Amino acid sequence: MDSAPTPRIYLGTGGYSDTDLLGTLYPTGTKKTDFLREYAKQYGAVEINSTFYAPIGQKAFAGMVDKAYVQADSELKFAVKLHQDFTHARKGTSDHAQAFLTALTPLIEANALAPLLLQFPHGFDRTREHRLYLANLVSWFKDYPLAIEFRHNGWHTPQVVDSFTEQGLIWCSVDYPKVSGLPPSRLIFTERTGYLRMHGNNLNWWDAMSAADRHDYRYSEAEMQDWAQAIANQRQHFDALYIFFQNTVNAHAYYNIAMLREALGRFGFEVL
C-alpha cells in the first residue's frame, strides 16, 4: 500500500518590499525593483498585501511572474489579499470581484496563484447582515481557493468552522498576541490546503501607532518549535500549508522563518 504523500509547507512573508529585510533576506545594496527576484530564490510563497490598498493590474502581475519564474527560475506561489472595499468598507460588488480576478490572469496562467485572502476587521461581527454579505462575497470568488481571517471572536465557533468545511472555504488560522479582544491562536484545517498568518505576540497590539509597531516582535526558537509540533500533530489533515509571517519589521520574519524551517524539517515535511 502506498504511503500518503508528504505534506508540503510554503513559508513566506506578508509582502516583500520591507526595506528592513535589506542585509538579511536581500543582500545589502539590492534595489527595490530586484527584491522579488531575490525573494523568490529563498522562499516558496509570498502574500501580496498591496492589493488591499490599491488595485494592481495585469501588467504588474505579469512583471511579478517574470521576476519570480523567469529571472529567479523559481516556482513561487502568490497569495493575494483582497481589496479593503470587500472587507472593511464593504462596498465591493460582483463587478469589482470580476475585475480583481481578471487582473490575476498572469498568475493563474502561470499556475502561480495560491489562496486569495479575505481579512475582516475586528468590527466585522457575526450579525445577520454580515453573514448575508459574506455569503454574497464568497459566491463572487467561488471558483478560487479562498482563505478568510476573522478578528472578531463571534466567528470563532464550531458552527462557523463546520460551515467552512461544507462550503470548501479555507479557515485562516492566525497567531495573535495573547491580549483581550483578539481570538485565541488555533490551527484549524477545513480544506486540504491550510493557511496560517503569524502576527507575533506584541502585547502592545491595541496601543501600537502603526502596523509595523504591532508586529515588532521576534518569536523565540521555543515558540517556533511549539508551532512545528502543532503542525506535525495535524499533518494528516492537510496536503499543503501556507505560512506567512507579518513581522517583517526589524527583519524579525527572516530569523523566524529560518527557525521554523529547521523545526519543521525535523518532522520530515517538504518545506519550500
Protein backbone atom coordinates (compact mmCIF):
# COMPACT_ATOMS: atom_id res chain seq x y z
CA MET A 1 0.00 0.00 0.00
CA ASP A 2 1.37 3.41 -1.00
CA SER A 3 2.14 5.79 1.83
CA ALA A 4 0.45 9.18 1.93
CA PRO A 5 2.33 11.97 0.15
CA THR A 6 4.47 14.21 2.32
CA PRO A 7 2.61 17.42 3.16
CA ARG A 8 4.15 20.49 1.53
CA ILE A 9 4.65 23.66 3.55
CA TYR A 10 5.22 27.04 1.92
CA LEU A 11 6.94 29.71 4.02
CA GLY A 12 6.98 33.41 3.27
CA THR A 13 6.22 36.92 4.44
CA GLY A 14 3.37 39.37 4.22
CA GLY A 15 4.63 41.49 1.34
CA TYR A 16 8.19 41.55 0.04
CA SER A 17 9.03 45.28 -0.12
CA ASP A 18 10.04 45.98 3.50
CA THR A 19 13.48 47.59 3.44
CA ASP A 20 14.09 46.22 6.96
CA LEU A 21 14.93 42.96 5.15
CA LEU A 22 17.98 44.52 3.50
CA GLY A 23 21.13 42.92 4.81
CA THR A 24 19.35 39.66 5.63
CA LEU A 25 16.91 38.34 3.03
CA TYR A 26 18.15 40.88 0.49
CA PRO A 27 21.88 41.48 0.10
CA THR A 28 22.93 44.98 1.10
CA GLY A 29 22.58 47.29 -1.87
CA THR A 30 19.79 45.34 -3.57
CA LYS A 31 17.46 47.68 -5.48
CA LYS A 32 13.79 47.58 -4.53
CA THR A 33 12.98 46.61 -8.11
CA ASP A 34 15.03 43.45 -7.56
CA PHE A 35 13.51 42.49 -4.20
CA LEU A 36 11.03 39.98 -5.62
CA ARG A 37 13.66 38.25 -7.73
CA GLU A 38 15.85 37.77 -4.65
CA TYR A 39 12.84 36.79 -2.53
CA ALA A 40 11.85 34.05 -4.97
CA LYS A 41 15.28 32.45 -4.61
CA GLN A 42 14.70 31.96 -0.87
CA TYR A 43 11.02 31.30 -0.19
CA GLY A 44 8.21 29.24 -1.68
CA ALA A 45 5.35 31.73 -1.38
CA VAL A 46 4.56 35.39 -0.82
CA GLU A 47 1.44 37.11 0.44
CA ILE A 48 0.71 40.17 -1.69
CA ASN A 49 -0.75 42.78 0.67
CA SER A 50 -0.51 45.90 -1.51
CA THR A 51 -3.69 44.81 -3.29
CA PHE A 52 -5.55 45.57 -0.06
CA TYR A 53 -4.81 49.28 -0.51
CA ALA A 54 -4.92 49.78 -4.28
CA PRO A 55 -5.76 47.64 -7.31
CA ILE A 56 -2.92 46.05 -9.27
CA GLY A 57 -3.31 45.46 -12.98
CA GLN A 58 -2.38 42.53 -15.20
CA LYS A 59 0.84 44.24 -16.29
CA ALA A 60 2.10 44.44 -12.71
CA PHE A 61 1.26 40.79 -12.01
CA ALA A 62 2.91 39.77 -15.29
CA GLY A 63 6.03 41.58 -14.10
CA MET A 64 5.94 39.62 -10.84
CA VAL A 65 5.69 36.35 -12.75
CA ASP A 66 8.66 37.38 -14.89
CA LYS A 67 10.82 38.23 -11.88
CA ALA A 68 9.93 35.07 -9.97
CA TYR A 69 9.64 32.48 -12.74
CA VAL A 70 11.97 33.74 -15.47
CA GLN A 71 14.63 35.79 -13.70
CA ALA A 72 14.78 33.74 -10.48
CA ASP A 73 13.81 30.40 -12.08
CA SER A 74 11.55 29.64 -9.13
CA GLU A 75 8.04 28.29 -8.64
CA LEU A 76 6.96 30.98 -6.20
CA LYS A 77 3.29 30.93 -5.23
CA PHE A 78 1.38 34.18 -4.76
CA ALA A 79 -1.36 34.53 -2.16
CA VAL A 80 -3.27 37.74 -2.84
CA LYS A 81 -5.13 39.82 -0.27
CA LEU A 82 -8.44 41.21 -1.45
CA HIS A 83 -9.01 44.95 -1.55
CA GLN A 84 -10.35 46.65 1.56
CA ASP A 85 -13.55 47.56 -0.30
CA PHE A 86 -14.53 43.90 0.06
CA THR A 87 -13.77 43.58 3.78
CA HIS A 88 -13.58 46.95 5.51
CA ALA A 89 -15.67 49.44 3.51
CA ARG A 90 -17.84 46.54 2.33
CA LYS A 91 -18.91 48.30 -0.84
CA GLY A 92 -17.44 45.78 -3.27
CA THR A 93 -19.65 44.34 -6.00
CA SER A 94 -19.59 41.28 -8.23
CA ASP A 95 -18.22 43.52 -11.00
CA HIS A 96 -15.39 44.61 -8.72
CA ALA A 97 -14.69 40.97 -7.93
CA GLN A 98 -14.54 40.07 -11.61
CA ALA A 99 -12.16 42.94 -12.29
CA PHE A 100 -9.96 41.80 -9.41
CA LEU A 101 -9.88 38.24 -10.77
CA THR A 102 -9.18 39.41 -14.33
CA ALA A 103 -6.10 41.24 -13.08
CA LEU A 104 -4.82 37.93 -11.67
CA THR A 105 -4.76 36.30 -15.12
CA PRO A 106 -0.92 36.21 -15.35
CA LEU A 107 -0.73 34.37 -12.00
CA ILE A 108 -3.47 31.95 -12.98
CA GLU A 109 -1.90 31.17 -16.36
CA ALA A 110 1.49 30.55 -14.71
CA ASN A 111 -0.09 28.25 -12.09
CA ALA A 112 1.34 30.68 -9.54
CA LEU A 113 -1.83 31.56 -7.65
CA ALA A 114 -2.09 30.48 -4.01
CA PRO A 115 -5.27 31.15 -1.99
CA LEU A 116 -6.91 34.54 -2.06
CA LEU A 117 -7.16 36.16 1.37
CA LEU A 118 -10.09 37.97 2.93
CA GLN A 119 -9.09 39.68 6.18
CA PHE A 120 -12.03 41.12 8.07
CA PRO A 121 -11.50 43.76 10.77
CA HIS A 122 -12.38 43.40 14.43
CA GLY A 123 -15.57 45.38 13.85
CA PHE A 124 -16.97 42.77 11.47
CA ASP A 125 -19.03 40.84 13.99
CA ARG A 126 -21.34 37.91 13.27
CA THR A 127 -24.62 39.71 12.66
CA ARG A 128 -27.26 38.56 10.20
CA GLU A 129 -26.37 41.45 7.90
CA HIS A 130 -22.70 40.48 7.92
CA ARG A 131 -23.48 36.80 7.34
CA LEU A 132 -25.54 37.68 4.27
CA TYR A 133 -22.83 39.98 2.98
CA LEU A 134 -20.22 37.26 3.45
CA ALA A 135 -22.36 34.73 1.58
CA ASN A 136 -22.59 37.07 -1.41
CA LEU A 137 -18.90 37.87 -1.29
CA VAL A 138 -17.90 34.21 -1.19
CA SER A 139 -20.10 33.49 -4.21
CA TRP A 140 -18.17 36.02 -6.29
CA PHE A 141 -14.94 34.07 -5.77
CA LYS A 142 -16.43 30.57 -5.71
CA ASP A 143 -14.08 29.19 -8.37
CA TYR A 144 -10.91 30.12 -6.48
CA PRO A 145 -9.38 28.95 -3.18
CA LEU A 146 -10.45 31.48 -0.58
CA ALA A 147 -8.94 31.89 2.90
CA ILE A 148 -10.83 34.02 5.41
CA GLU A 149 -9.46 35.65 8.57
CA PHE A 150 -11.88 36.85 11.24
CA ARG A 151 -10.64 39.08 14.04
CA HIS A 152 -13.94 39.18 15.89
CA ASN A 153 -14.43 36.34 18.36
CA GLY A 154 -18.04 35.85 17.29
CA TRP A 155 -16.96 33.93 14.20
CA HIS A 156 -14.70 31.56 16.09
CA THR A 157 -17.28 28.84 16.75
CA PRO A 158 -17.55 25.16 15.76
CA GLN A 159 -20.64 26.03 13.72
CA VAL A 160 -18.75 28.51 11.54
CA VAL A 161 -15.78 26.16 11.16
CA ASP A 162 -18.12 23.35 10.09
CA SER A 163 -19.77 25.64 7.54
CA PHE A 164 -16.35 26.35 6.04
CA THR A 165 -15.77 22.63 5.56
CA GLU A 166 -19.17 22.26 3.92
CA GLN A 167 -18.55 25.18 1.55
CA GLY A 168 -14.95 24.35 0.67
CA LEU A 169 -13.59 27.52 2.29
CA ILE A 170 -10.17 27.77 3.91
CA TRP A 171 -10.14 28.82 7.56
CA CYS A 172 -7.30 31.28 8.03
CA SER A 173 -5.56 30.26 11.24
CA VAL A 174 -3.76 33.10 12.96
CA ASP A 175 -1.26 33.51 15.75
CA TYR A 176 -2.32 36.70 17.51
CA PRO A 177 -0.86 38.33 20.61
CA LYS A 178 -2.39 36.95 23.80
CA VAL A 179 -4.36 40.09 24.62
CA SER A 180 -8.01 40.81 25.35
CA GLY A 181 -10.22 41.26 22.31
CA LEU A 182 -8.32 39.01 19.91
CA PRO A 183 -9.25 35.39 19.15
CA PRO A 184 -7.12 32.57 20.57
CA SER A 185 -4.35 31.16 18.41
CA ARG A 186 -5.54 27.88 16.92
CA LEU A 187 -4.53 25.79 13.94
CA ILE A 188 -7.65 24.75 12.02
CA PHE A 189 -7.98 22.92 8.71
CA THR A 190 -11.26 22.99 6.80
CA GLU A 191 -9.71 22.06 3.44
CA ARG A 192 -6.69 20.05 2.33
CA THR A 193 -4.95 23.40 1.86
CA GLY A 194 -4.25 25.34 5.05
CA TYR A 195 -3.39 28.98 5.68
CA LEU A 196 -1.60 30.39 8.74
CA ARG A 197 -0.70 34.02 9.44
CA MET A 198 1.89 34.78 12.11
CA HIS A 199 1.29 38.18 13.71
CA GLY A 200 3.64 37.78 16.66
CA ASN A 201 2.95 38.32 20.35
CA ASN A 202 3.43 42.05 20.88
CA LEU A 203 1.29 42.76 23.93
CA ASN A 204 1.03 46.43 22.92
CA TRP A 205 -1.12 45.46 19.90
CA TRP A 206 -4.01 47.78 20.72
CA ASP A 207 -1.81 50.74 21.67
CA ALA A 208 0.59 50.50 18.74
CA MET A 209 0.67 53.51 16.44
CA SER A 210 1.20 51.55 13.23
CA ALA A 211 1.10 48.08 11.72
CA ALA A 212 4.89 47.96 11.95
CA ASP A 213 4.72 48.70 15.68
CA ARG A 214 2.09 45.99 16.22
CA HIS A 215 4.33 43.45 14.51
CA ASP A 216 7.57 44.43 16.25
CA TYR A 217 8.07 41.01 17.78
CA ARG A 218 10.53 38.19 17.20
CA TYR A 219 9.42 34.68 18.10
CA SER A 220 11.79 32.58 20.18
CA GLU A 221 13.12 29.26 18.97
CA ALA A 222 10.94 27.56 21.59
CA GLU A 223 7.84 29.24 20.15
CA MET A 224 8.76 28.11 16.65
CA GLN A 225 9.35 24.57 17.88
CA ASP A 226 5.92 24.59 19.53
CA TRP A 227 4.31 25.64 16.25
CA ALA A 228 6.21 22.97 14.34
CA GLN A 229 4.93 20.37 16.80
CA ALA A 230 1.36 21.68 16.49
CA ILE A 231 1.59 21.44 12.70
CA ALA A 232 3.07 17.96 12.86
CA ASN A 233 0.23 16.87 15.14
CA GLN A 234 -2.22 17.69 12.34
CA ARG A 235 -0.23 16.52 9.34
CA GLN A 236 -2.98 14.07 8.37
CA HIS A 237 -5.38 17.00 7.84
CA PHE A 238 -3.55 18.84 5.05
CA ASP A 239 -1.64 18.38 1.80
CA ALA A 240 -0.37 21.97 1.57
CA LEU A 241 0.03 24.68 4.19
CA TYR A 242 0.89 28.33 3.55
CA ILE A 243 2.52 30.17 6.45
CA PHE A 244 3.09 33.91 6.20
CA PHE A 245 4.98 35.93 8.79
CA GLN A 246 3.76 39.51 9.15
CA ASN A 247 6.62 40.64 11.41
CA THR A 248 8.98 41.87 8.69
CA VAL A 249 9.87 44.95 10.76
CA ASN A 250 13.47 44.72 12.02
CA ALA A 251 13.82 41.57 9.88
CA HIS A 252 12.10 39.51 12.57
CA ALA A 253 10.38 37.38 9.92
CA TYR A 254 13.68 36.45 8.30
CA TYR A 255 15.01 34.92 11.50
CA ASN A 256 11.71 33.29 12.46
CA ILE A 257 11.29 31.64 9.07
CA ALA A 258 14.77 30.14 9.42
CA MET A 259 13.85 28.81 12.87
CA LEU A 260 10.55 27.34 11.72
CA ARG A 261 12.07 25.83 8.58
CA GLU A 262 14.61 23.96 10.69
CA ALA A 263 11.99 22.84 13.21
CA LEU A 264 9.60 21.60 10.50
CA GLY A 265 12.42 19.78 8.75
CA ARG A 266 12.86 17.58 11.80
CA PHE A 267 9.33 16.26 11.20
CA GLY A 268 10.07 15.31 7.61
CA PHE A 269 7.94 17.96 5.91
CA GLU A 270 8.74 19.25 2.44
CA VAL A 271 9.41 22.90 3.27
CA LEU A 272 9.57 25.47 0.49
